[in-house]
Amino acid sequence: MPLGLITGIGRAMRRKRTSSLDILSSKRAPRDYYKGKNCKPTGFHTRKGGYVVVPEKLPNYIVPDLTDFKLKPYVSQCPTEVKTTEASEPAK
């Protein structure tokens, strides 16, 4: 009996997780709250209401040369099964 009493008191004293308290969505916030889309800013606001874009903060995508690439970018919705000899061999 004393063990059940101790666990009951422990359950009553347990706090909520702090991570659940940090979650703030537009439903739990004031009416004018805008959370955003989790994107990094690409610049900064000026004192006169303008916006300056910093080129170092813009994403830089490096695309390889695909002129002689054998595969096509399209993937079919209903692909056909192709059996190869490599897949049918048992692993050693």
N, C-alpha and C. Protein backbone atom coordinates (compact mmCIF):
# COMPACT_ATOMS: atom_id res chain seq x y z
N MET A 1 0.81 -1.20 0.00
CA MET A 1 0.00 0.00 0.00
C MET A 1 0.85 1.27 0.00
N PRO A 2 1.94 1.34 0.79
CA PRO A 2 2.72 2.57 0.79
C PRO A 2 3.36 2.86 -0.57
N LEU A 3 3.67 1.80 -1.34
CA LEU A 3 4.28 2.02 -2.66
C LEU A 3 3.27 2.68 -3.60
N GLY A 4 2.02 2.27 -3.56
CA GLY A 4 0.98 2.89 -4.38
C GLY A 4 0.73 4.33 -4.00
N LEU A 5 0.83 4.62 -2.72
CA LEU A 5 0.65 5.99 -2.25
C LEU A 5 1.79 6.88 -2.72
N ILE A 6 3.00 6.35 -2.70
CA ILE A 6 4.17 7.12 -3.13
C ILE A 6 4.11 7.39 -4.63
N THR A 7 3.74 6.38 -5.42
CA THR A 7 3.65 6.59 -6.87
C THR A 7 2.52 7.56 -7.21
N GLY A 8 1.44 7.52 -6.47
CA GLY A 8 0.33 8.46 -6.70
C GLY A 8 0.74 9.89 -6.43
N ILE A 9 1.49 10.10 -5.38
CA ILE A 9 1.99 11.45 -5.06
C ILE A 9 2.99 11.89 -6.13
N GLY A 10 3.82 10.96 -6.58
CA GLY A 10 4.78 11.29 -7.63
C GLY A 10 4.10 11.69 -8.93
N ARG A 11 3.02 11.00 -9.28
CA ARG A 11 2.27 11.36 -10.48
C ARG A 11 1.62 12.72 -10.35
N ALA A 12 1.13 13.04 -9.18
CA ALA A 12 0.48 14.33 -8.96
C ALA A 12 1.47 15.48 -9.02
N MET A 13 2.70 15.23 -8.60
CA MET A 13 3.71 16.28 -8.55
C MET A 13 4.45 16.44 -9.88
N ARG A 14 4.27 15.49 -10.80
CA ARG A 14 5.00 15.53 -12.06
C ARG A 14 4.57 16.75 -12.88
N ARG A 15 5.54 17.39 -13.49
CA ARG A 15 5.27 18.57 -14.30
C ARG A 15 5.14 18.19 -15.76
N LYS A 16 4.57 19.11 -16.53
CA LYS A 16 4.51 18.90 -17.97
C LYS A 16 5.90 19.07 -18.55
N ARG A 17 6.09 18.52 -19.73
CA ARG A 17 7.36 18.71 -20.41
C ARG A 17 7.52 20.17 -20.79
N THR A 18 8.74 20.65 -20.73
CA THR A 18 8.97 22.05 -21.10
C THR A 18 8.86 22.24 -22.60
N SER A 19 9.09 21.16 -23.39
CA SER A 19 8.99 21.30 -24.83
C SER A 19 7.54 21.55 -25.25
N SER A 20 6.57 20.99 -24.54
CA SER A 20 5.18 21.23 -24.90
C SER A 20 4.76 22.66 -24.58
N LEU A 21 5.43 23.30 -23.63
CA LEU A 21 5.10 24.68 -23.30
C LEU A 21 5.72 25.65 -24.30
N ASP A 22 6.76 25.23 -25.00
CA ASP A 22 7.42 26.12 -25.97
C ASP A 22 6.70 26.17 -27.31
N ILE A 23 5.79 25.22 -27.57
CA ILE A 23 5.10 25.19 -28.85
C ILE A 23 4.08 26.32 -28.88
N LEU A 24 4.23 27.21 -29.86
CA LEU A 24 3.30 28.31 -30.00
C LEU A 24 2.84 28.36 -31.44
N SER A 25 1.57 28.13 -31.64
CA SER A 25 1.02 28.18 -32.98
C SER A 25 0.11 29.38 -33.11
N SER A 26 -0.42 29.59 -34.29
CA SER A 26 -1.30 30.73 -34.49
C SER A 26 -2.62 30.57 -33.76
N LYS A 27 -2.98 29.33 -33.40
CA LYS A 27 -4.22 29.12 -32.66
C LYS A 27 -4.06 29.46 -31.17
N ARG A 28 -2.84 29.33 -30.65
CA ARG A 28 -2.61 29.58 -29.23
C ARG A 28 -2.03 30.97 -28.97
N ALA A 29 -1.85 31.76 -30.00
CA ALA A 29 -1.20 33.05 -29.88
C ALA A 29 -2.22 34.18 -30.09
N PRO A 30 -1.78 35.42 -29.91
CA PRO A 30 -2.68 36.55 -30.19
C PRO A 30 -3.11 36.60 -31.65
N ARG A 31 -4.10 37.42 -31.93
CA ARG A 31 -4.70 37.46 -33.26
C ARG A 31 -3.73 37.88 -34.35
N ASP A 32 -2.79 38.76 -34.05
CA ASP A 32 -1.87 39.27 -35.07
C ASP A 32 -0.54 38.50 -35.11
N TYR A 33 -0.49 37.32 -34.51
CA TYR A 33 0.75 36.54 -34.48
C TYR A 33 0.94 35.80 -35.79
N TYR A 34 2.13 35.92 -36.38
CA TYR A 34 2.48 35.21 -37.61
C TYR A 34 3.78 34.47 -37.38
N LYS A 35 3.72 33.15 -37.41
CA LYS A 35 4.88 32.35 -37.09
C LYS A 35 5.86 32.26 -38.24
N GLY A 36 5.38 32.24 -39.46
CA GLY A 36 6.27 32.12 -40.61
C GLY A 36 6.38 30.67 -41.05
N LYS A 37 7.25 30.42 -41.99
CA LYS A 37 7.40 29.09 -42.57
C LYS A 37 8.76 28.48 -42.27
N ASN A 38 9.41 28.90 -41.21
CA ASN A 38 10.69 28.36 -40.78
C ASN A 38 11.77 28.59 -41.83
N CYS A 39 11.76 29.76 -42.44
CA CYS A 39 12.76 30.12 -43.44
C CYS A 39 13.75 31.11 -42.83
N LYS A 40 14.97 31.05 -43.30
CA LYS A 40 15.98 31.99 -42.83
C LYS A 40 15.82 33.31 -43.58
N PRO A 41 16.02 34.43 -42.92
CA PRO A 41 15.89 35.71 -43.61
C PRO A 41 17.03 35.91 -44.61
N THR A 42 16.73 36.56 -45.73
CA THR A 42 17.73 36.79 -46.76
C THR A 42 18.28 38.20 -46.70
N GLY A 43 17.91 38.98 -45.71
CA GLY A 43 18.40 40.35 -45.60
C GLY A 43 17.96 40.96 -44.28
N PHE A 44 17.78 42.30 -44.30
CA PHE A 44 17.37 42.98 -43.09
C PHE A 44 16.52 44.20 -43.45
N HIS A 45 15.73 44.66 -42.48
CA HIS A 45 14.88 45.83 -42.67
C HIS A 45 15.66 47.09 -42.31
N THR A 46 15.43 48.13 -43.08
CA THR A 46 16.08 49.42 -42.79
C THR A 46 15.19 50.24 -41.87
N ARG A 47 15.71 51.35 -41.38
CA ARG A 47 14.95 52.20 -40.48
C ARG A 47 13.78 52.89 -41.18
N LYS A 48 13.91 53.10 -42.48
CA LYS A 48 12.87 53.80 -43.23
C LYS A 48 11.84 52.85 -43.85
N GLY A 49 11.86 51.58 -43.49
CA GLY A 49 10.86 50.64 -43.96
C GLY A 49 11.26 49.86 -45.19
N GLY A 50 12.48 50.03 -45.66
CA GLY A 50 12.94 49.26 -46.80
C GLY A 50 13.49 47.91 -46.39
N TYR A 51 13.92 47.15 -47.37
CA TYR A 51 14.49 45.83 -47.12
C TYR A 51 15.73 45.67 -47.99
N VAL A 52 16.84 45.28 -47.39
CA VAL A 52 18.10 45.11 -48.10
C VAL A 52 18.40 43.62 -48.17
N VAL A 53 18.56 43.10 -49.39
CA VAL A 53 18.88 41.69 -49.58
C VAL A 53 20.39 41.52 -49.55
N VAL A 54 20.87 40.62 -48.71
CA VAL A 54 22.29 40.34 -48.58
C VAL A 54 22.60 39.13 -49.47
N PRO A 55 23.47 39.28 -50.48
CA PRO A 55 23.75 38.16 -51.41
C PRO A 55 24.36 36.94 -50.73
N GLU A 56 25.07 37.13 -49.63
CA GLU A 56 25.68 35.99 -48.94
C GLU A 56 24.63 35.10 -48.29
N LYS A 57 23.45 35.66 -47.99
CA LYS A 57 22.39 34.89 -47.34
C LYS A 57 21.48 34.17 -48.33
N LEU A 58 21.62 34.45 -49.62
CA LEU A 58 20.80 33.79 -50.62
C LEU A 58 21.31 32.37 -50.85
N PRO A 59 20.40 31.41 -51.11
CA PRO A 59 20.86 30.04 -51.36
C PRO A 59 21.62 29.94 -52.68
N ASN A 60 22.68 29.15 -52.67
CA ASN A 60 23.51 28.96 -53.85
C ASN A 60 23.48 27.48 -54.20
N TYR A 61 22.79 27.15 -55.30
CA TYR A 61 22.65 25.76 -55.71
C TYR A 61 23.71 25.42 -56.75
N ILE A 62 24.43 24.33 -56.52
CA ILE A 62 25.44 23.86 -57.45
C ILE A 62 24.86 22.65 -58.18
N VAL A 63 24.65 22.81 -59.49
CA VAL A 63 24.04 21.75 -60.30
C VAL A 63 25.11 21.16 -61.20
N PRO A 64 25.29 19.84 -61.19
CA PRO A 64 26.31 19.24 -62.06
C PRO A 64 25.87 19.26 -63.53
N ASP A 65 26.82 19.09 -64.42
CA ASP A 65 26.54 19.06 -65.85
C ASP A 65 25.91 17.70 -66.20
N LEU A 66 24.70 17.72 -66.75
CA LEU A 66 23.96 16.50 -67.03
C LEU A 66 23.74 16.29 -68.53
N THR A 67 24.68 16.72 -69.36
CA THR A 67 24.48 16.61 -70.81
C THR A 67 24.52 15.17 -71.28
N ASP A 68 25.41 14.34 -70.78
CA ASP A 68 25.52 12.94 -71.23
C ASP A 68 24.97 11.96 -70.20
N PHE A 69 24.01 12.40 -69.41
CA PHE A 69 23.45 11.56 -68.36
C PHE A 69 22.42 10.62 -68.96
N LYS A 70 22.45 9.34 -68.59
CA LYS A 70 21.60 8.33 -69.21
C LYS A 70 20.16 8.34 -68.69
N LEU A 71 19.98 8.65 -67.42
CA LEU A 71 18.64 8.59 -66.85
C LEU A 71 17.84 9.84 -67.18
N LYS A 72 16.52 9.69 -67.17
CA LYS A 72 15.61 10.81 -67.44
C LYS A 72 15.05 11.31 -66.11
N PRO A 73 14.61 12.57 -66.04
CA PRO A 73 14.08 13.08 -64.78
C PRO A 73 12.68 12.59 -64.45
N TYR A 74 11.96 12.01 -65.41
CA TYR A 74 10.59 11.56 -65.18
C TYR A 74 10.56 10.20 -64.50
N VAL A 75 9.69 10.03 -63.52
CA VAL A 75 9.47 8.74 -62.87
C VAL A 75 8.02 8.37 -63.10
N SER A 76 7.78 7.19 -63.64
CA SER A 76 6.44 6.76 -63.99
C SER A 76 5.61 6.49 -62.74
N GLN A 77 4.29 6.69 -62.86
CA GLN A 77 3.37 6.41 -61.76
C GLN A 77 3.20 4.91 -61.56
N CYS A 78 3.27 4.13 -62.65
CA CYS A 78 3.09 2.69 -62.56
C CYS A 78 4.30 2.00 -63.21
N PRO A 79 5.40 1.87 -62.48
CA PRO A 79 6.60 1.27 -63.07
C PRO A 79 6.44 -0.24 -63.24
N THR A 80 7.12 -0.78 -64.22
CA THR A 80 7.10 -2.22 -64.44
C THR A 80 8.26 -2.84 -63.66
N GLU A 81 8.05 -4.08 -63.23
CA GLU A 81 9.09 -4.77 -62.47
C GLU A 81 10.14 -5.32 -63.42
N VAL A 82 11.40 -5.10 -63.10
CA VAL A 82 12.50 -5.61 -63.91
C VAL A 82 13.33 -6.51 -63.02
N LYS A 83 13.48 -7.77 -63.42
CA LYS A 83 14.26 -8.72 -62.64
C LYS A 83 15.68 -8.75 -63.19
N THR A 84 16.64 -8.62 -62.31
CA THR A 84 18.04 -8.68 -62.70
C THR A 84 18.69 -9.87 -62.03
N THR A 85 19.84 -10.25 -62.51
CA THR A 85 20.56 -11.39 -61.93
C THR A 85 21.18 -11.00 -60.59
N GLU A 86 21.50 -9.74 -60.40
CA GLU A 86 22.11 -9.31 -59.13
C GLU A 86 21.13 -9.40 -57.99
N ALA A 87 19.88 -9.09 -58.25
CA ALA A 87 18.87 -9.14 -57.19
C ALA A 87 18.49 -10.58 -56.84
N SER A 88 18.58 -11.52 -57.80
CA SER A 88 18.16 -12.89 -57.53
C SER A 88 19.24 -13.70 -56.82
N GLU A 89 20.50 -13.25 -56.84
CA GLU A 89 21.57 -13.98 -56.15
C GLU A 89 21.45 -13.80 -54.65
N PRO A 90 21.69 -14.87 -53.87
CA PRO A 90 21.62 -14.73 -52.41
C PRO A 90 22.85 -13.97 -51.90
N ALA A 91 22.65 -13.27 -50.80
CA ALA A 91 23.76 -12.52 -50.20
C ALA A 91 24.73 -13.48 -49.53
N LYS A 92 26.01 -13.19 -49.68
CA LYS A 92 27.03 -14.06 -49.10
C LYS A 92 27.60 -13.49 -47.83
